[in-house]
Amino acid sequence: MIGRLNHVAIAVRDIAKATAVYRDTLGAQVSEKVAQPAHGVSTVFVNLPNTKIELLEPLGDNSPINKFLEKSPDGGIHHVCYEVDDIIAARDRLKAAGARVIGDGEPKIGAHGKPVLFLHPKDFAGTLVELEQA
């Protein structure tokens, strides 16, 4: 059902500083910072030959990333994103198997402009999982 790894998301307090580490220290190609108000974050994508790293910075006081950063003040891996061919079929199959979809169960448009869903970390070995329609 799942396809390739689309990205690994890392929550950070200072996206400019984190971007500089990837760009200047590691020599990676990075995108511009983009505000994602519907998700309460700003993002930068670090492009790698086989996948991407998504840097997430809180956007406003109600950002869902704030709670994560309270628990992990230095930041860290927030979620992994896998591609699926059909997000509705994947959702229905996962729910039938007992997995919990976060939110109302309806896909939202993610940072790549494609439908996404998040799956509860307690159902996936402690890891928040994002599914993105390929």
C-alpha atoms as a PDB file:
ATOM      1  CA  MET A   1       0.000   0.000   0.000  1.00  0.00           C
ATOM      2  CA  ILE A   2       2.645   2.600   0.922  1.00  0.00           C
ATOM      3  CA  GLY A   3       5.005   3.825  -1.704  1.00  0.00           C
ATOM      4  CA  ARG A   4       8.241   5.697  -1.494  1.00  0.00           C
ATOM      5  CA  LEU A   5       9.349   7.841   1.429  1.00  0.00           C
ATOM      6  CA  ASN A   6       8.362  11.381   0.473  1.00  0.00           C
ATOM      7  CA  HIS A   7      10.018  13.221   3.357  1.00  0.00           C
ATOM      8  CA  VAL A   8      11.095  13.224   6.972  1.00  0.00           C
ATOM      9  CA  ALA A   9       9.847  16.289   8.868  1.00  0.00           C
ATOM     10  CA  ILE A  10      11.978  17.934  11.530  1.00  0.00           C
ATOM     11  CA  ALA A  11      10.470  20.470  13.929  1.00  0.00           C
ATOM     12  CA  VAL A  12      12.758  23.428  14.625  1.00  0.00           C
ATOM     13  CA  ARG A  13      12.529  26.625  16.637  1.00  0.00           C
ATOM     14  CA  ASP A  14      14.564  28.696  14.159  1.00  0.00           C
ATOM     15  CA  ILE A  15      14.042  27.683  10.543  1.00  0.00           C
ATOM     16  CA  ALA A  16      16.627  30.158   9.231  1.00  0.00           C
ATOM     17  CA  LYS A  17      19.316  28.643  11.459  1.00  0.00           C
ATOM     18  CA  ALA A  18      18.309  25.083  10.540  1.00  0.00           C
ATOM     19  CA  THR A  19      18.228  25.986   6.837  1.00  0.00           C
ATOM     20  CA  ALA A  20      21.749  27.401   7.096  1.00  0.00           C
ATOM     21  CA  VAL A  21      23.011  24.149   8.622  1.00  0.00           C
ATOM     22  CA  TYR A  22      21.650  22.097   5.737  1.00  0.00           C
ATOM     23  CA  ARG A  23      22.642  24.605   3.029  1.00  0.00           C
ATOM     24  CA  ASP A  24      25.963  25.947   4.301  1.00  0.00           C
ATOM     25  CA  THR A  25      27.345  23.131   6.434  1.00  0.00           C
ATOM     26  CA  LEU A  26      26.006  20.087   4.584  1.00  0.00           C
ATOM     27  CA  GLY A  27      25.878  21.647   1.096  1.00  0.00           C
ATOM     28  CA  ALA A  28      22.254  20.714   0.424  1.00  0.00           C
ATOM     29  CA  GLN A  29      19.864  22.445  -1.952  1.00  0.00           C
ATOM     30  CA  VAL A  30      17.065  24.087   0.055  1.00  0.00           C
ATOM     31  CA  SER A  31      13.801  25.762  -0.894  1.00  0.00           C
ATOM     32  CA  GLU A  32      12.590  29.157   0.188  1.00  0.00           C
ATOM     33  CA  LYS A  33      10.652  29.417   3.438  1.00  0.00           C
ATOM     34  CA  VAL A  34       6.903  29.143   2.825  1.00  0.00           C
ATOM     35  CA  ALA A  35       4.175  29.959   5.349  1.00  0.00           C
ATOM     36  CA  GLN A  36       1.518  27.243   5.566  1.00  0.00           C
ATOM     37  CA  PRO A  37      -1.213  29.027   7.586  1.00  0.00           C
ATOM     38  CA  ALA A  38      -3.718  26.172   7.207  1.00  0.00           C
ATOM     39  CA  HIS A  39      -1.249  23.914   9.055  1.00  0.00           C
ATOM     40  CA  GLY A  40       0.176  26.472  11.489  1.00  0.00           C
ATOM     41  CA  VAL A  41       3.752  26.082  10.265  1.00  0.00           C
ATOM     42  CA  SER A  42       6.353  27.528   7.954  1.00  0.00           C
ATOM     43  CA  THR A  43       8.282  25.031   5.850  1.00  0.00           C
ATOM     44  CA  VAL A  44      11.601  24.696   4.066  1.00  0.00           C
ATOM     45  CA  PHE A  45      12.359  21.601   1.997  1.00  0.00           C
ATOM     46  CA  VAL A  46      15.867  20.192   1.828  1.00  0.00           C
ATOM     47  CA  ASN A  47      16.150  18.327  -1.466  1.00  0.00           C
ATOM     48  CA  LEU A  48      18.144  15.100  -1.407  1.00  0.00           C
ATOM     49  CA  PRO A  49      18.750  12.666  -4.271  1.00  0.00           C
ATOM     50  CA  ASN A  50      16.333  10.075  -2.875  1.00  0.00           C
ATOM     51  CA  THR A  51      13.888  12.057  -0.680  1.00  0.00           C
ATOM     52  CA  LYS A  52      13.405  15.365   1.134  1.00  0.00           C
ATOM     53  CA  ILE A  53      13.767  16.743   4.636  1.00  0.00           C
ATOM     54  CA  GLU A  54      10.969  19.109   5.649  1.00  0.00           C
ATOM     55  CA  LEU A  55      11.935  21.709   8.239  1.00  0.00           C
ATOM     56  CA  LEU A  56       8.908  22.861  10.258  1.00  0.00           C
ATOM     57  CA  GLU A  57       8.803  26.070  12.285  1.00  0.00           C
ATOM     58  CA  PRO A  58       5.769  27.153  14.334  1.00  0.00           C
ATOM     59  CA  LEU A  59       3.607  29.797  12.678  1.00  0.00           C
ATOM     60  CA  GLY A  60       1.765  31.556  15.488  1.00  0.00           C
ATOM     61  CA  ASP A  61       0.916  30.669  19.053  1.00  0.00           C
ATOM     62  CA  ASN A  62      -1.602  27.961  18.095  1.00  0.00           C
ATOM     63  CA  SER A  63       0.807  25.964  15.930  1.00  0.00           C
ATOM     64  CA  PRO A  64       0.625  22.201  16.510  1.00  0.00           C
ATOM     65  CA  ILE A  65       4.428  22.209  16.434  1.00  0.00           C
ATOM     66  CA  ASN A  66       4.557  24.269  19.650  1.00  0.00           C
ATOM     67  CA  LYS A  67       3.501  21.300  21.795  1.00  0.00           C
ATOM     68  CA  PHE A  68       6.124  19.109  20.152  1.00  0.00           C
ATOM     69  CA  LEU A  69       8.820  21.730  20.820  1.00  0.00           C
ATOM     70  CA  GLU A  70       7.725  22.044  24.468  1.00  0.00           C
ATOM     71  CA  LYS A  71       8.502  18.336  24.877  1.00  0.00           C
ATOM     72  CA  SER A  72      11.617  18.475  22.670  1.00  0.00           C
ATOM     73  CA  PRO A  73      13.037  22.001  23.096  1.00  0.00           C
ATOM     74  CA  ASP A  74      15.938  21.364  20.712  1.00  0.00           C
ATOM     75  CA  GLY A  75      13.579  20.108  17.993  1.00  0.00           C
ATOM     76  CA  GLY A  76      13.677  16.720  16.338  1.00  0.00           C
ATOM     77  CA  ILE A  77      11.953  14.347  13.968  1.00  0.00           C
ATOM     78  CA  HIS A  78       8.255  15.180  13.945  1.00  0.00           C
ATOM     79  CA  HIS A  79       6.863  12.771  11.330  1.00  0.00           C
ATOM     80  CA  VAL A  80       7.595  10.645   8.294  1.00  0.00           C
ATOM     81  CA  CYS A  81       5.602  10.961   5.081  1.00  0.00           C
ATOM     82  CA  TYR A  82       4.903   8.066   2.727  1.00  0.00           C
ATOM     83  CA  GLU A  83       3.305   8.298  -0.683  1.00  0.00           C
ATOM     84  CA  VAL A  84       0.149   6.352  -1.550  1.00  0.00           C
ATOM     85  CA  ASP A  85      -1.552   6.002  -4.916  1.00  0.00           C
ATOM     86  CA  ASP A  86      -5.086   6.534  -3.580  1.00  0.00           C
ATOM     87  CA  ILE A  87      -5.371   8.326  -0.239  1.00  0.00           C
ATOM     88  CA  ILE A  88      -9.071   7.476   0.263  1.00  0.00           C
ATOM     89  CA  ALA A  89      -8.501   3.761  -0.384  1.00  0.00           C
ATOM     90  CA  ALA A  90      -5.469   3.839   1.939  1.00  0.00           C
ATOM     91  CA  ARG A  91      -7.485   5.607   4.652  1.00  0.00           C
ATOM     92  CA  ASP A  92     -10.347   3.145   4.393  1.00  0.00           C
ATOM     93  CA  ARG A  93      -8.031   0.125   4.475  1.00  0.00           C
ATOM     94  CA  LEU A  94      -6.120   1.475   7.482  1.00  0.00           C
ATOM     95  CA  LYS A  95      -9.282   2.362   9.408  1.00  0.00           C
ATOM     96  CA  ALA A  96     -10.690  -1.118   8.726  1.00  0.00           C
ATOM     97  CA  ALA A  97      -7.480  -2.519  10.224  1.00  0.00           C
ATOM     98  CA  GLY A  98      -7.956  -0.393  13.370  1.00  0.00           C
ATOM     99  CA  ALA A  99      -5.572   2.495  12.638  1.00  0.00           C
ATOM    100  CA  ARG A 100      -6.608   5.942  13.837  1.00  0.00           C
ATOM    101  CA  VAL A 101      -6.665   8.840  11.412  1.00  0.00           C
ATOM    102  CA  ILE A 102      -6.030  12.171  13.125  1.00  0.00           C
ATOM    103  CA  GLY A 103      -8.686  14.851  12.685  1.00  0.00           C
ATOM    104  CA  ASP A 104     -11.965  14.345  10.897  1.00  0.00           C
ATOM    105  CA  GLY A 105     -10.583  11.676   8.568  1.00  0.00           C
ATOM    106  CA  GLU A 106     -10.872  13.826   5.474  1.00  0.00           C
ATOM    107  CA  PRO A 107      -7.687  14.619   3.546  1.00  0.00           C
ATOM    108  CA  LYS A 108      -6.325  18.164   3.719  1.00  0.00           C
ATOM    109  CA  ILE A 109      -4.118  19.813   1.127  1.00  0.00           C
ATOM    110  CA  GLY A 110      -0.503  19.580   2.274  1.00  0.00           C
ATOM    111  CA  ALA A 111       2.625  21.606   1.609  1.00  0.00           C
ATOM    112  CA  HIS A 112       3.081  20.018  -1.833  1.00  0.00           C
ATOM    113  CA  GLY A 113      -0.473  20.896  -2.894  1.00  0.00           C
ATOM    114  CA  LYS A 114      -1.588  17.259  -2.652  1.00  0.00           C
ATOM    115  CA  PRO A 115      -4.065  15.520  -0.317  1.00  0.00           C
ATOM    116  CA  VAL A 116      -2.583  14.350   3.000  1.00  0.00           C
ATOM    117  CA  LEU A 117      -3.713  12.520   6.138  1.00  0.00           C
ATOM    118  CA  PHE A 118      -1.964  11.924   9.452  1.00  0.00           C
ATOM    119  CA  LEU A 119      -2.061   8.655  11.357  1.00  0.00           C
ATOM    120  CA  HIS A 120      -1.855   8.351  15.133  1.00  0.00           C
ATOM    121  CA  PRO A 121       1.666   7.567  16.392  1.00  0.00           C
ATOM    122  CA  LYS A 122       0.379   5.019  18.910  1.00  0.00           C
ATOM    123  CA  ASP A 123      -0.655   2.836  15.973  1.00  0.00           C
ATOM    124  CA  PHE A 124       2.716   3.113  14.176  1.00  0.00           C
ATOM    125  CA  ALA A 125       5.500   2.298  16.622  1.00  0.00           C
ATOM    126  CA  GLY A 126       5.435   5.752  18.214  1.00  0.00           C
ATOM    127  CA  THR A 127       5.858   7.604  14.924  1.00  0.00           C
ATOM    128  CA  LEU A 128       3.462  10.191  13.527  1.00  0.00           C
ATOM    129  CA  VAL A 129       2.852   9.121   9.925  1.00  0.00           C
ATOM    130  CA  GLU A 130       1.697  11.369   7.108  1.00  0.00           C
ATOM    131  CA  LEU A 131       0.271   9.879   3.934  1.00  0.00           C
ATOM    132  CA  GLU A 132       0.431  11.945   0.760  1.00  0.00           C
ATOM    133  CA  GLN A 133      -1.332  11.054  -2.458  1.00  0.00           C
ATOM    134  CA  ALA A 134       1.317  10.607  -5.143  1.00  0.00           C
END
